N, C-alpha and C. Protein backbone atom coordinates (compact mmCIF):
# COMPACT_ATOMS: atom_id res chain seq x y z
N MET A 1 13.17 -33.01 21.92
CA MET A 1 12.79 -31.66 22.95
C MET A 1 12.73 -30.74 22.78
N LEU A 2 12.00 -30.06 23.60
CA LEU A 2 11.32 -28.60 22.87
C LEU A 2 12.30 -28.09 23.07
N THR A 3 13.21 -26.46 22.47
CA THR A 3 13.85 -25.96 22.52
C THR A 3 13.20 -24.28 22.36
N TRP A 4 13.00 -23.57 23.30
CA TRP A 4 13.01 -22.10 22.00
C TRP A 4 13.66 -20.83 22.95
N ASN A 5 14.05 -20.39 21.69
CA ASN A 5 14.94 -19.45 22.45
C ASN A 5 14.86 -17.98 21.98
N VAL A 6 14.62 -17.32 22.81
CA VAL A 6 13.60 -15.90 22.46
C VAL A 6 14.56 -14.81 22.70
N GLY A 7 15.97 -15.15 22.68
CA GLY A 7 16.35 -14.17 22.07
C GLY A 7 16.82 -13.22 23.89
N HIS A 8 18.20 -11.85 23.63
CA HIS A 8 17.88 -11.51 24.78
C HIS A 8 17.26 -10.28 24.36
N SER A 9 16.66 -9.81 24.17
CA SER A 9 15.57 -8.65 23.31
C SER A 9 13.57 -9.04 23.99
N GLY A 10 14.00 -10.32 23.09
CA GLY A 10 12.98 -11.29 23.35
C GLY A 10 12.33 -11.36 24.54
N THR A 11 13.48 -11.69 25.44
CA THR A 11 13.42 -11.94 26.88
C THR A 11 13.43 -10.28 28.15
N SER A 12 13.99 -9.41 27.14
CA SER A 12 13.81 -8.47 28.19
C SER A 12 12.41 -7.77 28.22
N MET A 13 11.98 -7.65 26.94
CA MET A 13 10.17 -7.17 26.56
C MET A 13 9.41 -8.01 27.45
N VAL A 14 9.69 -9.16 27.26
CA VAL A 14 8.46 -10.15 28.04
C VAL A 14 9.06 -9.81 29.59
N GLY A 15 9.68 -9.33 29.95
CA GLY A 15 9.84 -8.99 31.16
C GLY A 15 9.61 -7.66 31.69
N ALA A 16 9.12 -6.50 30.92
CA ALA A 16 9.18 -5.08 30.87
C ALA A 16 7.59 -4.99 30.48
N ASN A 17 7.20 -6.12 30.70
CA ASN A 17 5.94 -6.12 30.08
C ASN A 17 4.95 -6.77 31.16
N ARG A 18 5.69 -7.58 31.81
CA ARG A 18 5.63 -8.21 32.79
C ARG A 18 5.40 -6.82 33.54
N ALA A 19 6.23 -6.54 34.11
CA ALA A 19 6.46 -4.84 35.32
C ALA A 19 5.57 -4.37 34.54
N ALA A 20 5.39 -3.70 33.41
CA ALA A 20 4.60 -2.19 33.13
C ALA A 20 2.80 -3.23 33.88
N ARG A 21 2.04 -4.65 33.81
CA ARG A 21 1.25 -4.97 33.65
C ARG A 21 1.12 -4.73 35.26
N SER A 22 1.92 -4.93 35.91
CA SER A 22 2.07 -4.98 37.62
C SER A 22 1.49 -3.27 38.05
N GLY A 23 1.91 -2.44 36.93
CA GLY A 23 2.20 -1.42 37.58
C GLY A 23 3.21 -0.07 37.30
N LYS A 24 4.31 -1.29 37.22
CA LYS A 24 5.68 -0.55 37.27
C LYS A 24 5.64 0.40 36.30
N TRP A 25 6.18 1.76 36.68
CA TRP A 25 6.48 3.04 35.95
C TRP A 25 7.54 2.67 35.13
N LEU A 26 8.08 1.93 34.20
CA LEU A 26 9.28 1.44 33.20
C LEU A 26 10.19 2.99 32.91
N GLY A 27 10.48 3.63 33.30
CA GLY A 27 11.35 5.10 32.65
C GLY A 27 10.07 5.78 31.68
N GLY A 28 10.60 6.83 31.25
CA GLY A 28 10.36 7.77 30.25
C GLY A 28 9.65 8.67 31.36
N ILE A 29 9.86 10.57 31.05
CA ILE A 29 9.52 11.23 31.37
C ILE A 29 8.01 11.03 32.49
N VAL A 30 8.45 11.25 33.87
CA VAL A 30 7.53 10.93 34.46
C VAL A 30 6.12 12.14 34.71
N PRO A 31 4.91 11.90 34.60
CA PRO A 31 3.72 13.28 34.09
C PRO A 31 3.97 14.35 35.31
N TYR A 32 4.21 15.62 34.48
CA TYR A 32 4.10 16.64 36.26
C TYR A 32 2.67 16.32 37.15
N GLY A 33 3.31 16.48 38.24
CA GLY A 33 1.91 15.18 39.26
C GLY A 33 2.18 14.20 40.28
N TYR A 34 3.46 13.88 39.24
CA TYR A 34 3.66 12.52 39.98
C TYR A 34 4.96 12.95 40.43
N ARG A 35 5.56 11.19 40.71
CA ARG A 35 6.63 10.47 41.10
C ARG A 35 6.70 9.34 41.28
N VAL A 36 7.87 9.17 40.77
CA VAL A 36 8.39 7.56 40.97
C VAL A 36 8.18 6.97 43.02
N ASP A 37 7.61 6.10 43.05
CA ASP A 37 8.49 6.11 45.01
C ASP A 37 8.98 4.79 44.62
N SER A 38 9.49 4.43 45.71
CA SER A 38 10.72 3.17 45.78
C SER A 38 10.52 2.18 45.29
N GLU A 39 9.24 1.89 45.30
CA GLU A 39 9.05 0.67 44.51
C GLU A 39 8.82 0.74 43.05
N GLY A 40 9.03 2.07 43.03
CA GLY A 40 8.72 1.69 41.14
C GLY A 40 7.97 2.35 40.46
N TYR A 41 6.83 2.27 41.77
CA TYR A 41 5.42 3.10 41.13
C TYR A 41 5.11 4.31 40.84
N LEU A 42 4.34 4.09 39.90
CA LEU A 42 3.81 5.86 40.01
C LEU A 42 2.62 6.97 41.06
N GLU A 43 3.09 7.86 41.06
CA GLU A 43 2.24 8.21 43.06
C GLU A 43 2.17 9.22 42.70
N ILE A 44 0.92 10.27 43.08
CA ILE A 44 0.64 11.49 43.40
C ILE A 44 1.72 12.20 44.16
N CYS A 45 2.29 13.28 43.17
CA CYS A 45 3.59 14.51 44.09
C CYS A 45 2.48 15.41 44.56
N GLU A 46 2.86 15.20 46.38
CA GLU A 46 2.24 16.45 47.24
C GLU A 46 2.69 17.23 47.96
N GLU A 47 4.37 16.93 47.40
CA GLU A 47 5.20 17.79 47.92
C GLU A 47 5.16 19.91 47.43
N LEU A 48 5.76 20.56 47.87
CA LEU A 48 5.50 22.31 47.64
C LEU A 48 6.25 21.61 47.06
N LEU A 49 5.76 22.81 46.09
CA LEU A 49 6.34 23.75 44.42
C LEU A 49 8.04 24.74 45.13
N PRO A 50 8.80 24.38 44.94
CA PRO A 50 9.69 25.54 45.14
C PRO A 50 9.71 27.07 45.46
N TYR A 51 9.57 27.69 46.34
CA TYR A 51 9.02 29.24 46.47
C TYR A 51 7.17 28.41 46.46
N SER A 52 6.74 28.35 46.86
CA SER A 52 4.61 28.37 46.45
C SER A 52 4.57 27.43 47.31
N ASP A 53 3.10 27.59 47.37
CA ASP A 53 2.22 27.17 48.91
C ASP A 53 1.34 25.98 47.40
N MET A 54 1.23 25.38 46.49
CA MET A 54 1.14 24.65 45.16
C MET A 54 2.41 23.27 45.31
N THR A 55 1.45 22.64 45.32
CA THR A 55 1.92 20.94 44.94
C THR A 55 1.93 20.72 43.49
N GLU A 56 2.46 20.10 42.18
CA GLU A 56 2.53 19.44 41.63
C GLU A 56 1.00 19.32 41.03
N ALA A 57 0.65 17.94 42.01
CA ALA A 57 -0.91 17.93 41.97
C ALA A 57 -1.94 18.31 42.43
N GLY A 58 -2.06 19.89 43.09
CA GLY A 58 -2.38 20.93 42.59
C GLY A 58 -2.48 22.18 42.30
N VAL A 59 -1.48 21.81 40.83
CA VAL A 59 -1.70 22.32 38.95
C VAL A 59 -1.75 21.86 38.32
N VAL A 60 -1.49 20.46 38.86
CA VAL A 60 -2.54 20.09 37.88
C VAL A 60 -4.25 19.94 38.16
N ARG A 61 -4.88 20.14 38.82
CA ARG A 61 -6.14 20.12 39.39
C ARG A 61 -6.62 21.78 39.05
N LEU A 62 -5.70 22.54 39.01
CA LEU A 62 -5.84 23.78 39.18
C LEU A 62 -6.25 23.96 37.31
N ILE A 63 -5.43 23.72 36.98
CA ILE A 63 -5.76 23.64 35.47
C ILE A 63 -6.60 23.02 34.79
N PHE A 64 -7.22 21.59 34.93
CA PHE A 64 -8.39 20.70 34.99
C PHE A 64 -9.54 22.65 35.24
N HIS A 65 -9.27 22.85 36.83
CA HIS A 65 -10.55 23.33 37.17
C HIS A 65 -11.38 25.00 36.08
N MET A 66 -9.78 24.92 36.11
CA MET A 66 -10.10 26.36 34.69
C MET A 66 -10.49 26.24 33.30
N LEU A 67 -9.97 24.97 33.04
CA LEU A 67 -10.37 24.52 32.13
C LEU A 67 -11.91 24.14 31.41
N ALA A 68 -11.91 23.62 32.64
CA ALA A 68 -13.72 22.40 32.49
C ALA A 68 -14.37 23.36 33.75
N ASN A 69 -14.22 24.31 34.32
CA ASN A 69 -15.17 24.92 35.52
C ASN A 69 -15.19 26.86 35.27
N GLN A 70 -14.04 26.91 34.74
CA GLN A 70 -13.81 28.17 34.30
C GLN A 70 -14.24 28.86 33.05
N GLY A 71 -13.82 27.13 32.01
CA GLY A 71 -14.32 27.94 30.85
C GLY A 71 -12.49 28.80 29.61
N HIS A 72 -11.93 28.36 30.66
CA HIS A 72 -10.46 28.74 30.25
C HIS A 72 -9.89 28.28 28.90
N SER A 73 -9.10 29.11 27.94
CA SER A 73 -8.39 28.57 27.30
C SER A 73 -6.82 28.38 27.40
N CYS A 74 -5.92 27.99 26.97
CA CYS A 74 -4.47 26.99 27.15
C CYS A 74 -4.18 27.98 27.15
N ILE A 75 -4.53 29.14 26.43
CA ILE A 75 -3.51 30.14 27.06
C ILE A 75 -3.87 31.24 27.50
N LYS A 76 -4.75 31.57 27.99
CA LYS A 76 -4.39 32.56 30.29
C LYS A 76 -4.46 31.27 30.84
N VAL A 77 -4.67 29.61 30.24
CA VAL A 77 -4.49 29.16 32.10
C VAL A 77 -2.75 29.03 32.49
N SER A 78 -2.07 29.21 30.54
CA SER A 78 0.07 28.79 31.22
C SER A 78 -0.33 30.23 31.79
N ASP A 79 -0.97 31.82 31.06
CA ASP A 79 -1.00 32.75 31.25
C ASP A 79 -0.68 33.43 32.66
N TYR A 80 -1.53 32.63 33.11
CA TYR A 80 -1.92 32.53 35.22
C TYR A 80 -0.77 32.35 35.71
N LEU A 81 -0.65 30.80 34.66
CA LEU A 81 0.42 30.02 35.81
C LEU A 81 1.76 31.03 35.70
N ASN A 82 2.03 31.38 34.52
CA ASN A 82 3.28 32.52 34.62
C ASN A 82 3.53 33.41 35.15
N ALA A 83 1.99 34.09 35.63
CA ALA A 83 2.07 35.16 36.08
C ALA A 83 2.60 35.31 37.74
N PHE A 84 1.48 34.31 38.14
CA PHE A 84 2.30 33.50 39.59
C PHE A 84 3.35 32.28 40.09
N GLY A 85 4.13 32.66 38.94
CA GLY A 85 5.77 32.05 38.91
C GLY A 85 5.84 30.50 39.41
N VAL A 86 4.25 29.85 38.39
CA VAL A 86 4.33 28.38 38.76
C VAL A 86 5.33 28.02 38.56
N SER A 87 6.60 26.25 38.90
CA SER A 87 7.58 26.40 38.48
C SER A 87 7.01 25.02 37.30
N THR A 88 7.92 24.82 36.35
CA THR A 88 7.65 23.65 35.58
C THR A 88 8.05 22.82 35.81
N ALA A 89 8.40 21.23 35.61
CA ALA A 89 8.96 20.36 35.64
C ALA A 89 10.42 20.45 35.29
N TYR A 90 11.00 21.38 34.40
CA TYR A 90 12.25 20.96 34.07
C TYR A 90 12.35 22.37 34.61
N ALA A 91 11.72 23.53 34.67
CA ALA A 91 12.71 25.13 35.95
C ALA A 91 12.98 23.79 37.08
N LYS A 92 12.10 23.73 37.97
CA LYS A 92 11.88 21.82 39.00
C LYS A 92 13.06 22.16 39.18
N ASP A 93 13.34 20.78 38.41
CA ASP A 93 14.32 19.83 37.94
C ASP A 93 15.61 20.39 37.42
N ASP A 94 15.98 21.00 37.15
CA ASP A 94 17.01 21.66 36.23
C ASP A 94 17.41 20.76 35.16
N ARG A 95 16.07 20.50 34.47
CA ARG A 95 16.46 19.66 33.37
C ARG A 95 16.75 20.76 32.84
N LYS A 96 17.29 19.80 31.09
CA LYS A 96 17.50 20.50 29.91
C LYS A 96 16.99 20.20 28.89
N VAL A 97 17.11 20.94 27.70
CA VAL A 97 15.98 19.98 26.47
C VAL A 97 17.27 20.28 25.78
N THR A 98 17.28 19.41 24.77
CA THR A 98 18.13 19.60 23.71
C THR A 98 18.29 19.50 21.89
N ARG A 99 19.13 20.77 21.90
CA ARG A 99 19.00 21.35 21.00
C ARG A 99 20.36 21.45 20.04
N GLY A 100 20.32 20.34 18.95
CA GLY A 100 20.76 20.37 18.02
C GLY A 100 22.41 19.29 19.11
N LYS A 101 23.64 19.69 19.37
CA LYS A 101 24.05 18.76 19.71
C LYS A 101 24.78 19.12 21.31
N ARG A 102 24.27 20.45 21.46
CA ARG A 102 23.79 20.72 23.19
C ARG A 102 22.47 20.87 23.75
N LYS A 103 23.35 20.78 25.19
CA LYS A 103 22.11 21.29 25.95
C LYS A 103 21.82 22.45 26.96
N GLU A 104 20.53 22.62 26.58
CA GLU A 104 20.21 24.28 27.02
C GLU A 104 19.95 23.91 27.87
N ASN A 105 19.60 24.87 29.02
CA ASN A 105 18.40 25.73 29.75
C ASN A 105 17.07 25.62 29.05
N THR A 106 15.83 25.15 29.32
CA THR A 106 14.62 25.72 28.74
C THR A 106 14.03 27.37 29.05
N ALA A 107 13.16 27.60 28.11
CA ALA A 107 12.68 28.55 29.81
C ALA A 107 12.57 28.88 30.49
N GLY A 108 11.97 27.78 31.05
CA GLY A 108 10.61 27.25 32.30
C GLY A 108 9.54 28.79 32.51
N ILE A 109 9.24 28.39 31.32
CA ILE A 109 7.58 28.83 31.25
C ILE A 109 6.41 28.07 31.00
N TRP A 110 5.61 28.01 31.12
CA TRP A 110 3.91 27.59 30.84
C TRP A 110 4.22 27.96 29.05
N ARG A 111 3.21 26.83 28.69
CA ARG A 111 3.18 27.28 27.33
C ARG A 111 1.78 26.08 26.47
N PRO A 112 0.90 26.94 25.95
CA PRO A 112 0.15 26.49 25.54
C PRO A 112 0.17 25.31 25.23
N SER A 113 1.12 24.91 24.57
CA SER A 113 0.83 23.37 24.27
C SER A 113 1.33 22.13 25.19
N ARG A 114 2.11 22.80 26.22
CA ARG A 114 1.84 22.35 27.68
C ARG A 114 0.76 21.96 28.23
N ILE A 115 0.14 22.76 28.06
CA ILE A 115 -1.55 22.98 28.69
C ILE A 115 -1.42 21.94 27.79
N ARG A 116 -2.49 21.76 26.71
CA ARG A 116 -2.85 20.84 26.03
C ARG A 116 -2.53 19.55 26.33
N GLY A 117 -1.07 18.98 26.24
CA GLY A 117 -0.50 17.98 26.69
C GLY A 117 -0.78 17.00 27.55
N ILE A 118 -1.05 18.04 29.14
CA ILE A 118 -1.90 17.47 30.20
C ILE A 118 -3.13 17.41 29.94
N ILE A 119 -4.08 17.43 29.43
CA ILE A 119 -5.29 17.59 29.40
C ILE A 119 -5.35 16.22 28.26
N ALA A 120 -4.89 16.46 27.78
CA ALA A 120 -4.64 15.16 26.38
C ALA A 120 -4.22 13.61 26.87
N ASN A 121 -3.41 13.56 28.34
CA ASN A 121 -3.27 12.91 28.98
C ASN A 121 -3.99 11.95 29.77
N THR A 122 -4.84 11.04 29.53
CA THR A 122 -4.57 9.77 30.35
C THR A 122 -4.83 9.18 31.39
N SER A 123 -3.80 9.47 31.74
CA SER A 123 -3.51 9.28 33.16
C SER A 123 -3.75 9.38 34.12
N TYR A 124 -4.13 11.08 33.92
CA TYR A 124 -4.16 12.22 35.20
C TYR A 124 -5.78 11.52 35.46
N LYS A 125 -6.11 11.21 34.87
CA LYS A 125 -7.61 10.55 35.14
C LYS A 125 -7.61 8.75 35.73
N GLY A 126 -6.87 8.20 35.88
CA GLY A 126 -6.05 7.18 36.49
C GLY A 126 -6.22 6.05 35.40
N VAL A 127 -5.75 6.08 34.08
CA VAL A 127 -5.22 5.47 32.45
C VAL A 127 -4.30 5.46 32.36
N HIS A 128 -3.08 4.91 31.92
CA HIS A 128 -1.72 4.92 30.98
C HIS A 128 -2.02 3.64 30.59
N PHE A 129 -0.85 4.45 28.91
CA PHE A 129 -0.67 3.54 28.31
C PHE A 129 0.94 2.97 28.32
N TYR A 130 1.04 2.17 28.59
CA TYR A 130 2.64 1.94 28.28
C TYR A 130 2.53 1.18 26.97
N GLY A 131 3.77 1.52 26.38
CA GLY A 131 3.59 1.16 25.22
C GLY A 131 3.51 1.76 24.34
N LYS A 132 2.77 3.01 23.65
CA LYS A 132 1.85 4.12 22.99
C LYS A 132 3.61 4.91 22.51
N ARG A 133 4.38 4.54 23.09
CA ARG A 133 4.57 5.37 21.93
C ARG A 133 6.23 4.72 21.87
N SER A 134 6.38 3.53 21.93
CA SER A 134 7.38 2.73 21.38
C SER A 134 8.00 2.67 20.18
N THR A 135 9.22 2.54 19.43
CA THR A 135 9.74 2.55 17.91
C THR A 135 9.15 1.53 17.37
N ARG A 136 9.29 1.02 18.29
CA ARG A 136 9.63 -1.38 18.23
C ARG A 136 8.25 -1.35 18.32
N LYS A 137 7.50 -2.43 18.17
CA LYS A 137 6.42 -3.35 17.71
C LYS A 137 6.32 -4.09 19.22
N ARG A 138 4.93 -3.73 19.66
CA ARG A 138 4.43 -3.98 21.26
C ARG A 138 3.24 -3.74 20.72
N ASP A 139 3.12 -5.10 21.88
CA ASP A 139 1.73 -4.33 23.12
C ASP A 139 1.58 -3.15 23.53
N ILE A 140 0.95 -3.06 23.41
CA ILE A 140 -0.13 -1.46 24.16
C ILE A 140 -0.75 -1.94 25.63
N ILE A 141 -0.21 -2.22 26.51
CA ILE A 141 -0.96 -2.55 27.75
C ILE A 141 -1.50 -1.31 29.04
N GLU A 142 -2.85 -1.20 29.08
CA GLU A 142 -3.87 -0.09 29.71
C GLU A 142 -3.59 -1.11 30.96
N ARG A 143 -3.18 0.47 31.41
CA ARG A 143 -2.95 -0.44 33.38
C ARG A 143 -3.66 0.76 34.04
N GLU A 144 -3.86 0.57 35.28
CA GLU A 144 -4.31 1.66 36.15
C GLU A 144 -2.71 2.47 36.86
N VAL A 145 -3.13 3.96 36.80
CA VAL A 145 -2.16 5.17 37.78
C VAL A 145 -3.07 4.93 39.35
N PRO A 146 -2.87 5.52 39.27
CA PRO A 146 -3.26 6.90 40.80
C PRO A 146 -3.69 8.23 39.62
N ALA A 147 -5.39 8.62 39.38
CA ALA A 147 -5.86 9.57 39.22
C ALA A 147 -5.98 11.40 40.19
N ILE A 148 -5.32 12.15 38.82
CA ILE A 148 -5.26 13.25 40.42
C ILE A 148 -6.42 14.06 40.23
N VAL A 149 -7.34 14.22 38.90
CA VAL A 149 -8.37 14.65 38.18
C VAL A 149 -9.16 13.13 38.95
N ASP A 150 -11.09 13.70 39.29
CA ASP A 150 -11.79 12.41 38.52
C ASP A 150 -12.15 12.78 37.14
N VAL A 151 -12.64 11.31 36.66
CA VAL A 151 -12.98 11.24 35.19
C VAL A 151 -14.16 11.88 34.48
N GLU A 152 -14.46 12.36 35.43
CA GLU A 152 -16.32 13.68 34.86
C GLU A 152 -15.17 15.21 34.18
N THR A 153 -14.48 15.11 35.58
CA THR A 153 -13.22 16.33 35.15
C THR A 153 -12.81 16.51 33.78
N TRP A 154 -12.11 15.07 33.57
CA TRP A 154 -11.32 15.06 33.06
C TRP A 154 -11.89 14.77 31.61
N GLU A 155 -12.98 14.29 31.45
CA GLU A 155 -13.90 14.44 30.21
C GLU A 155 -15.05 15.43 29.91
N LYS A 156 -15.10 16.57 30.65
CA LYS A 156 -15.74 17.73 31.36
C LYS A 156 -14.54 18.91 30.52
N CYS A 157 -13.26 18.56 31.22
CA CYS A 157 -12.32 18.85 30.50
C CYS A 157 -12.30 19.44 28.98
N ARG A 158 -11.55 17.76 28.23
CA ARG A 158 -11.78 17.67 27.16
C ARG A 158 -13.06 17.83 26.07
N LYS A 159 -13.51 18.21 26.57
CA LYS A 159 -15.68 18.41 25.65
C LYS A 159 -15.12 19.71 25.55
N SER A 160 -14.89 20.75 26.65
CA SER A 160 -14.37 22.46 26.45
C SER A 160 -13.43 22.95 25.80
N PHE A 161 -12.90 21.86 25.78
CA PHE A 161 -11.23 21.98 24.60
C PHE A 161 -11.89 21.55 22.87
N GLU A 162 -12.38 20.06 23.26
CA GLU A 162 -12.31 20.14 21.68
C GLU A 162 -14.58 21.57 21.53
N ALA A 163 -14.33 21.78 21.65
CA ALA A 163 -15.46 23.03 21.28
C ALA A 163 -15.20 24.13 21.04
N THR A 164 -13.50 24.44 21.88
CA THR A 164 -13.17 25.84 21.48
C THR A 164 -12.00 25.43 20.27
N LYS A 165 -11.76 24.14 19.66
CA LYS A 165 -11.24 24.35 18.60
C LYS A 165 -10.65 25.07 17.32
């Protein structure tokens, strides 16, 4: 008789990988411009931000447009978003950050590093890599997610950013 004892962690990793391959969002911070639907999949967030006529996805499109088509820097884009009072995810969701042993409110402002993080994220062009930040050894699963910007815009933005480094 052949037996195979995977153990609890092995079983859960296999199940998580199967769910990830099917496209389910398995936790972690949802990228700005997206939300998780009732079935557990990422979808583009087109709800209006508080006190604004823009959506999160619209903000992402604006960021890529300003960088790729208008040649603005990450500093200029963050200054623009802050000047118009565009909500960050932390401010909108009233999330806090951990500093030492306590949680504190964030400043709730856009920073150039946040803009750089957005333009480096392949999810915005429709490709997400599950497992890439795991501290445990695991398969990295490439999967499709809804794209907020087209591949050409994403690539153009990355090229213009690399040229200004």
